[in-house]
């Protein structure tokens, strides 16, 4: 029988991933603001993808990118939260709400802070308003689909099923991120920065759930002990 990891080991993992994600975002932000080589890489990649774009791929990725739009993510979040509330999974329902609201709020704040212009082409494949860094679609897609993968896998007993759920979420988020770069509305560093912030936010939410669960468990044990004494 496989032992479940202890709360302390899970907390350590969450803190480690949070720290690494924050460091990655800080590095990307400094490099983009300072005009480091990644800026040239961003532009070269954007131009190469634009030149080599084909109609069929563009149509597919234009559909994929909509899976990271608010018009899709909001109903997904509401449906998941409602289903969780009906099952009295209060903490998981709160996680879904925090994933969407926190992801959107962080993205708006960071866009306003950096004010990076989006890629520009004379014949764009797609258009988008607002600033470029970090990618909103990529960020909120990771927070929402990441949280959804967590709450779904938490109710699945099979390891293979859990792995499949997580793999599907990862593939979807990566596809959405690539679609933003391919369509010419974001740079590679915009998407990487979005992933790093989103992952840090999810880890922070996970730590909050862990602390809340530990606190509730401790309170329940104290109540049980007092009642039996």
Foldseek 3Di string as FASTA:
>chain_A
DDDDDDLVVLLVVLVVLLVVLVVVLVVLLCCVVVVHCVVVVQVVLLVVLQVPDDDVVLVVLVVLLCCLDCVNLVVLLVVVLVVCVVVVVNLLNVQSVCLQVVLVVVQVVVLVVRVADFFDDPDFSDDDDGGAAADSSLQSLCSNLVSVLVVVLVPDDDPVVSVVSNVVSVVSSVSNLVSCSSRRGYTNSNNSSSVSVSSSSSSVSVSVVSVVVVVVVVVVVVVVVVVVD
